[in-house]
Amino acid sequence: NAAISACERGGHWEMSLSLLAEMPERMLSPNLISHNAVIKAQHWEQALTVVGKMASLKCTPNAISHSSVISACQRGGQWQVSVAALCRLPMVKQLPDEISYSAA
């Protein structure tokens, strides 16, 4: 998780995604913290993909996960996608909060 977070802080989203994918090979279990750090570092399209795969990995996205996706979309100039992600929050049993609204 520390390495993924360092990649996130350094803007190395490709490396963070690679580290997440390698975790099971190294007998490590990616958790919510791992996924959220990767989502924060991602290009908007990859952030959407990661959050979409989390449920199948038995890792339920939380408010931080969704706010990070919304922020990634905004950073990528995809305001329509960020607003759509914000509108989908109630469907995934997440209530938008100040962070979500600010990100969008």
N, C-alpha and C. Protein backbone atom coordinates (compact mmCIF):
# COMPACT_ATOMS: atom_id res chain seq x y z
N ASN A 1 0.82 -1.20 0.00
CA ASN A 1 0.00 0.00 0.00
C ASN A 1 0.86 1.26 0.00
N ALA A 2 1.98 1.20 0.71
CA ALA A 2 2.87 2.36 0.77
C ALA A 2 3.44 2.68 -0.60
N ALA A 3 3.82 1.66 -1.35
CA ALA A 3 4.39 1.88 -2.69
C ALA A 3 3.33 2.45 -3.63
N ILE A 4 2.12 1.94 -3.54
CA ILE A 4 1.03 2.45 -4.38
C ILE A 4 0.74 3.90 -4.02
N SER A 5 0.72 4.21 -2.74
CA SER A 5 0.47 5.59 -2.31
C SER A 5 1.58 6.52 -2.78
N ALA A 6 2.82 6.03 -2.76
CA ALA A 6 3.94 6.85 -3.25
C ALA A 6 3.77 7.14 -4.74
N CYS A 7 3.32 6.14 -5.49
CA CYS A 7 3.07 6.35 -6.92
C CYS A 7 1.96 7.37 -7.12
N GLU A 8 0.95 7.28 -6.29
CA GLU A 8 -0.17 8.22 -6.38
C GLU A 8 0.31 9.65 -6.13
N ARG A 9 1.10 9.83 -5.09
CA ARG A 9 1.62 11.16 -4.78
C ARG A 9 2.55 11.69 -5.87
N GLY A 10 3.26 10.78 -6.52
CA GLY A 10 4.19 11.18 -7.58
C GLY A 10 3.57 11.26 -8.95
N GLY A 11 2.27 10.93 -9.06
CA GLY A 11 1.58 11.02 -10.33
C GLY A 11 1.91 9.87 -11.29
N HIS A 12 2.39 8.77 -10.77
CA HIS A 12 2.76 7.62 -11.61
C HIS A 12 1.62 6.60 -11.62
N TRP A 13 0.52 6.95 -12.29
CA TRP A 13 -0.66 6.11 -12.26
C TRP A 13 -0.43 4.74 -12.90
N GLU A 14 0.39 4.67 -13.94
CA GLU A 14 0.63 3.38 -14.60
C GLU A 14 1.33 2.42 -13.65
N MET A 15 2.31 2.92 -12.89
CA MET A 15 3.03 2.09 -11.93
C MET A 15 2.11 1.65 -10.80
N SER A 16 1.23 2.54 -10.34
CA SER A 16 0.31 2.16 -9.26
C SER A 16 -0.61 1.04 -9.71
N LEU A 17 -1.08 1.11 -10.94
CA LEU A 17 -1.95 0.05 -11.47
C LEU A 17 -1.18 -1.26 -11.59
N SER A 18 0.06 -1.19 -12.02
CA SER A 18 0.91 -2.37 -12.13
C SER A 18 1.14 -3.01 -10.77
N LEU A 19 1.42 -2.18 -9.76
CA LEU A 19 1.63 -2.71 -8.41
C LEU A 19 0.38 -3.38 -7.87
N LEU A 20 -0.78 -2.80 -8.13
CA LEU A 20 -2.04 -3.41 -7.69
C LEU A 20 -2.22 -4.77 -8.33
N ALA A 21 -1.93 -4.86 -9.63
CA ALA A 21 -2.08 -6.13 -10.35
C ALA A 21 -1.10 -7.19 -9.85
N GLU A 22 0.08 -6.76 -9.40
CA GLU A 22 1.10 -7.71 -8.92
C GLU A 22 0.87 -8.20 -7.50
N MET A 23 0.02 -7.53 -6.74
CA MET A 23 -0.15 -7.90 -5.34
C MET A 23 -0.51 -9.37 -5.13
N PRO A 24 -1.50 -9.92 -5.84
CA PRO A 24 -1.83 -11.34 -5.62
C PRO A 24 -0.66 -12.29 -5.95
N GLU A 25 0.14 -11.93 -6.96
CA GLU A 25 1.30 -12.75 -7.31
C GLU A 25 2.32 -12.79 -6.18
N ARG A 26 2.32 -11.74 -5.36
CA ARG A 26 3.26 -11.64 -4.24
C ARG A 26 2.61 -12.07 -2.93
N MET A 27 1.48 -12.77 -3.06
CA MET A 27 0.74 -13.27 -1.90
C MET A 27 0.22 -12.15 -1.00
N LEU A 28 -0.09 -11.01 -1.61
CA LEU A 28 -0.66 -9.87 -0.90
C LEU A 28 -2.09 -9.67 -1.36
N SER A 29 -2.96 -9.33 -0.46
CA SER A 29 -4.36 -9.11 -0.80
C SER A 29 -4.64 -7.62 -0.91
N PRO A 30 -5.00 -7.16 -2.12
CA PRO A 30 -5.37 -5.76 -2.26
C PRO A 30 -6.62 -5.47 -1.41
N ASN A 31 -6.63 -4.36 -0.72
CA ASN A 31 -7.78 -4.00 0.10
C ASN A 31 -8.33 -2.64 -0.35
N LEU A 32 -9.23 -2.12 0.43
CA LEU A 32 -9.84 -0.84 0.09
C LEU A 32 -8.80 0.27 -0.01
N ILE A 33 -7.83 0.27 0.89
CA ILE A 33 -6.78 1.29 0.88
C ILE A 33 -5.96 1.19 -0.40
N SER A 34 -5.63 -0.02 -0.81
CA SER A 34 -4.86 -0.23 -2.05
C SER A 34 -5.63 0.32 -3.25
N HIS A 35 -6.88 -0.07 -3.34
CA HIS A 35 -7.70 0.37 -4.47
C HIS A 35 -7.89 1.88 -4.48
N ASN A 36 -8.16 2.46 -3.31
CA ASN A 36 -8.37 3.91 -3.28
C ASN A 36 -7.12 4.67 -3.68
N ALA A 37 -5.96 4.20 -3.27
CA ALA A 37 -4.71 4.86 -3.66
C ALA A 37 -4.52 4.78 -5.17
N VAL A 38 -4.85 3.63 -5.76
CA VAL A 38 -4.73 3.47 -7.22
C VAL A 38 -5.72 4.39 -7.93
N ILE A 39 -6.95 4.43 -7.44
CA ILE A 39 -7.97 5.28 -8.07
C ILE A 39 -7.53 6.74 -8.04
N LYS A 40 -6.97 7.19 -6.92
CA LYS A 40 -6.53 8.59 -6.81
C LYS A 40 -5.45 8.92 -7.83
N ALA A 41 -4.64 7.94 -8.16
CA ALA A 41 -3.51 8.17 -9.08
C ALA A 41 -3.90 8.05 -10.54
N GLN A 42 -5.05 7.51 -10.82
CA GLN A 42 -5.41 7.11 -12.18
C GLN A 42 -5.88 8.24 -13.08
N HIS A 43 -5.66 8.00 -14.36
CA HIS A 43 -6.32 8.73 -15.43
C HIS A 43 -7.81 8.39 -15.28
N TRP A 44 -8.69 9.25 -15.66
CA TRP A 44 -10.11 9.07 -15.39
C TRP A 44 -10.67 7.75 -15.90
N GLU A 45 -10.26 7.31 -17.09
CA GLU A 45 -10.81 6.06 -17.63
C GLU A 45 -10.39 4.86 -16.78
N GLN A 46 -9.15 4.83 -16.36
CA GLN A 46 -8.68 3.72 -15.54
C GLN A 46 -9.32 3.78 -14.15
N ALA A 47 -9.54 4.98 -13.63
CA ALA A 47 -10.19 5.11 -12.32
C ALA A 47 -11.59 4.49 -12.37
N LEU A 48 -12.31 4.75 -13.45
CA LEU A 48 -13.64 4.16 -13.61
C LEU A 48 -13.56 2.63 -13.69
N THR A 49 -12.56 2.13 -14.39
CA THR A 49 -12.37 0.69 -14.52
C THR A 49 -12.06 0.05 -13.18
N VAL A 50 -11.14 0.66 -12.43
CA VAL A 50 -10.75 0.10 -11.13
C VAL A 50 -11.93 0.05 -10.18
N VAL A 51 -12.67 1.13 -10.07
CA VAL A 51 -13.82 1.14 -9.15
C VAL A 51 -14.88 0.15 -9.62
N GLY A 52 -15.01 -0.04 -10.93
CA GLY A 52 -15.97 -1.00 -11.45
C GLY A 52 -15.60 -2.44 -11.14
N LYS A 53 -14.32 -2.73 -11.03
CA LYS A 53 -13.85 -4.10 -10.75
C LYS A 53 -13.81 -4.43 -9.26
N MET A 54 -13.89 -3.41 -8.43
CA MET A 54 -13.71 -3.64 -6.99
C MET A 54 -14.74 -4.61 -6.42
N ALA A 55 -15.99 -4.51 -6.82
CA ALA A 55 -17.03 -5.38 -6.27
C ALA A 55 -16.75 -6.85 -6.59
N SER A 56 -16.26 -7.12 -7.79
CA SER A 56 -15.96 -8.51 -8.15
C SER A 56 -14.79 -9.06 -7.36
N LEU A 57 -14.00 -8.16 -6.76
CA LEU A 57 -12.86 -8.56 -5.94
C LEU A 57 -13.22 -8.55 -4.45
N LYS A 58 -14.52 -8.47 -4.18
CA LYS A 58 -15.02 -8.43 -2.80
C LYS A 58 -14.44 -7.26 -2.01
N CYS A 59 -14.33 -6.14 -2.68
CA CYS A 59 -13.83 -4.91 -2.07
C CYS A 59 -14.82 -3.81 -2.45
N THR A 60 -15.69 -3.48 -1.55
CA THR A 60 -16.76 -2.53 -1.84
C THR A 60 -16.23 -1.09 -1.83
N PRO A 61 -16.44 -0.38 -2.95
CA PRO A 61 -16.01 1.03 -3.00
C PRO A 61 -16.74 1.85 -1.92
N ASN A 62 -16.03 2.80 -1.34
CA ASN A 62 -16.65 3.67 -0.33
C ASN A 62 -16.71 5.09 -0.87
N ALA A 63 -17.04 6.03 -0.01
CA ALA A 63 -17.17 7.43 -0.42
C ALA A 63 -15.85 7.97 -0.98
N ILE A 64 -14.73 7.56 -0.39
CA ILE A 64 -13.43 8.00 -0.89
C ILE A 64 -13.19 7.48 -2.30
N SER A 65 -13.56 6.23 -2.53
CA SER A 65 -13.40 5.64 -3.87
C SER A 65 -14.16 6.45 -4.91
N HIS A 66 -15.42 6.71 -4.61
CA HIS A 66 -16.26 7.42 -5.57
C HIS A 66 -15.83 8.88 -5.74
N SER A 67 -15.47 9.54 -4.67
CA SER A 67 -15.00 10.93 -4.78
C SER A 67 -13.71 11.00 -5.58
N SER A 68 -12.85 9.99 -5.43
CA SER A 68 -11.60 9.96 -6.19
C SER A 68 -11.85 9.77 -7.67
N VAL A 69 -12.85 8.95 -8.02
CA VAL A 69 -13.22 8.77 -9.42
C VAL A 69 -13.75 10.08 -9.99
N ILE A 70 -14.61 10.73 -9.22
CA ILE A 70 -15.18 12.01 -9.67
C ILE A 70 -14.06 13.02 -9.89
N SER A 71 -13.10 13.07 -8.97
CA SER A 71 -11.97 14.00 -9.10
C SER A 71 -11.12 13.67 -10.33
N ALA A 72 -10.89 12.38 -10.56
CA ALA A 72 -10.09 11.96 -11.73
C ALA A 72 -10.78 12.39 -13.02
N CYS A 73 -12.09 12.26 -13.07
CA CYS A 73 -12.85 12.69 -14.26
C CYS A 73 -12.73 14.19 -14.44
N GLN A 74 -12.83 14.91 -13.35
CA GLN A 74 -12.73 16.38 -13.41
C GLN A 74 -11.34 16.80 -13.89
N ARG A 75 -10.30 16.17 -13.32
CA ARG A 75 -8.92 16.49 -13.74
C ARG A 75 -8.71 16.20 -15.22
N GLY A 76 -9.39 15.17 -15.71
CA GLY A 76 -9.27 14.81 -17.12
C GLY A 76 -10.16 15.61 -18.04
N GLY A 77 -10.82 16.63 -17.50
CA GLY A 77 -11.68 17.48 -18.33
C GLY A 77 -12.99 16.80 -18.72
N GLN A 78 -13.36 15.79 -17.99
CA GLN A 78 -14.57 15.03 -18.30
C GLN A 78 -15.68 15.39 -17.30
N TRP A 79 -16.10 16.64 -17.34
CA TRP A 79 -17.07 17.10 -16.35
C TRP A 79 -18.39 16.36 -16.47
N GLN A 80 -18.78 15.98 -17.70
CA GLN A 80 -20.05 15.25 -17.87
C GLN A 80 -19.98 13.89 -17.18
N VAL A 81 -18.83 13.23 -17.30
CA VAL A 81 -18.65 11.92 -16.67
C VAL A 81 -18.61 12.09 -15.15
N SER A 82 -17.99 13.15 -14.66
CA SER A 82 -17.93 13.36 -13.21
C SER A 82 -19.32 13.63 -12.65
N VAL A 83 -20.13 14.40 -13.36
CA VAL A 83 -21.50 14.66 -12.91
C VAL A 83 -22.32 13.38 -12.95
N ALA A 84 -22.14 12.57 -14.00
CA ALA A 84 -22.85 11.29 -14.09
C ALA A 84 -22.45 10.37 -12.93
N ALA A 85 -21.16 10.34 -12.59
CA ALA A 85 -20.70 9.52 -11.46
C ALA A 85 -21.31 10.02 -10.16
N LEU A 86 -21.40 11.32 -10.01
CA LEU A 86 -22.03 11.90 -8.82
C LEU A 86 -23.50 11.49 -8.73
N CYS A 87 -24.19 11.53 -9.86
CA CYS A 87 -25.62 11.16 -9.89
C CYS A 87 -25.84 9.68 -9.61
N ARG A 88 -24.84 8.84 -9.89
CA ARG A 88 -24.96 7.40 -9.67
C ARG A 88 -24.73 7.00 -8.21
N LEU A 89 -24.22 7.89 -7.39
CA LEU A 89 -23.91 7.54 -6.00
C LEU A 89 -25.08 6.91 -5.25
N PRO A 90 -26.29 7.46 -5.32
CA PRO A 90 -27.40 6.81 -4.60
C PRO A 90 -27.68 5.38 -5.08
N MET A 91 -27.39 5.09 -6.34
CA MET A 91 -27.61 3.74 -6.86
C MET A 91 -26.65 2.72 -6.26
N VAL A 92 -25.50 3.17 -5.80
CA VAL A 92 -24.52 2.28 -5.17
C VAL A 92 -24.53 2.48 -3.65
N LYS A 93 -25.66 3.01 -3.17
CA LYS A 93 -25.88 3.19 -1.74
C LYS A 93 -24.84 4.09 -1.07
N GLN A 94 -24.43 5.12 -1.80
CA GLN A 94 -23.53 6.14 -1.26
C GLN A 94 -24.23 7.49 -1.40
N LEU A 95 -24.21 8.25 -0.34
CA LEU A 95 -24.78 9.58 -0.42
C LEU A 95 -23.68 10.58 -0.77
N PRO A 96 -23.96 11.45 -1.73
CA PRO A 96 -22.98 12.49 -2.04
C PRO A 96 -22.72 13.34 -0.80
N ASP A 97 -21.46 13.73 -0.61
CA ASP A 97 -21.12 14.59 0.50
C ASP A 97 -20.42 15.83 -0.03
N GLU A 98 -19.91 16.66 0.87
CA GLU A 98 -19.23 17.91 0.45
C GLU A 98 -18.05 17.61 -0.48
N ILE A 99 -17.32 16.53 -0.18
CA ILE A 99 -16.16 16.19 -1.00
C ILE A 99 -16.60 15.78 -2.40
N SER A 100 -17.65 14.97 -2.48
CA SER A 100 -18.15 14.53 -3.79
C SER A 100 -18.62 15.70 -4.63
N TYR A 101 -19.40 16.58 -3.99
CA TYR A 101 -19.90 17.76 -4.72
C TYR A 101 -18.75 18.67 -5.15
N SER A 102 -17.78 18.86 -4.29
CA SER A 102 -16.64 19.71 -4.63
C SER A 102 -15.83 19.11 -5.77
N ALA A 103 -15.69 17.79 -5.78
CA ALA A 103 -14.92 17.12 -6.82
C ALA A 103 -15.58 17.27 -8.18
N ALA A 104 -16.92 17.21 -8.19
CA ALA A 104 -17.65 17.31 -9.45
C ALA A 104 -17.66 18.73 -9.93
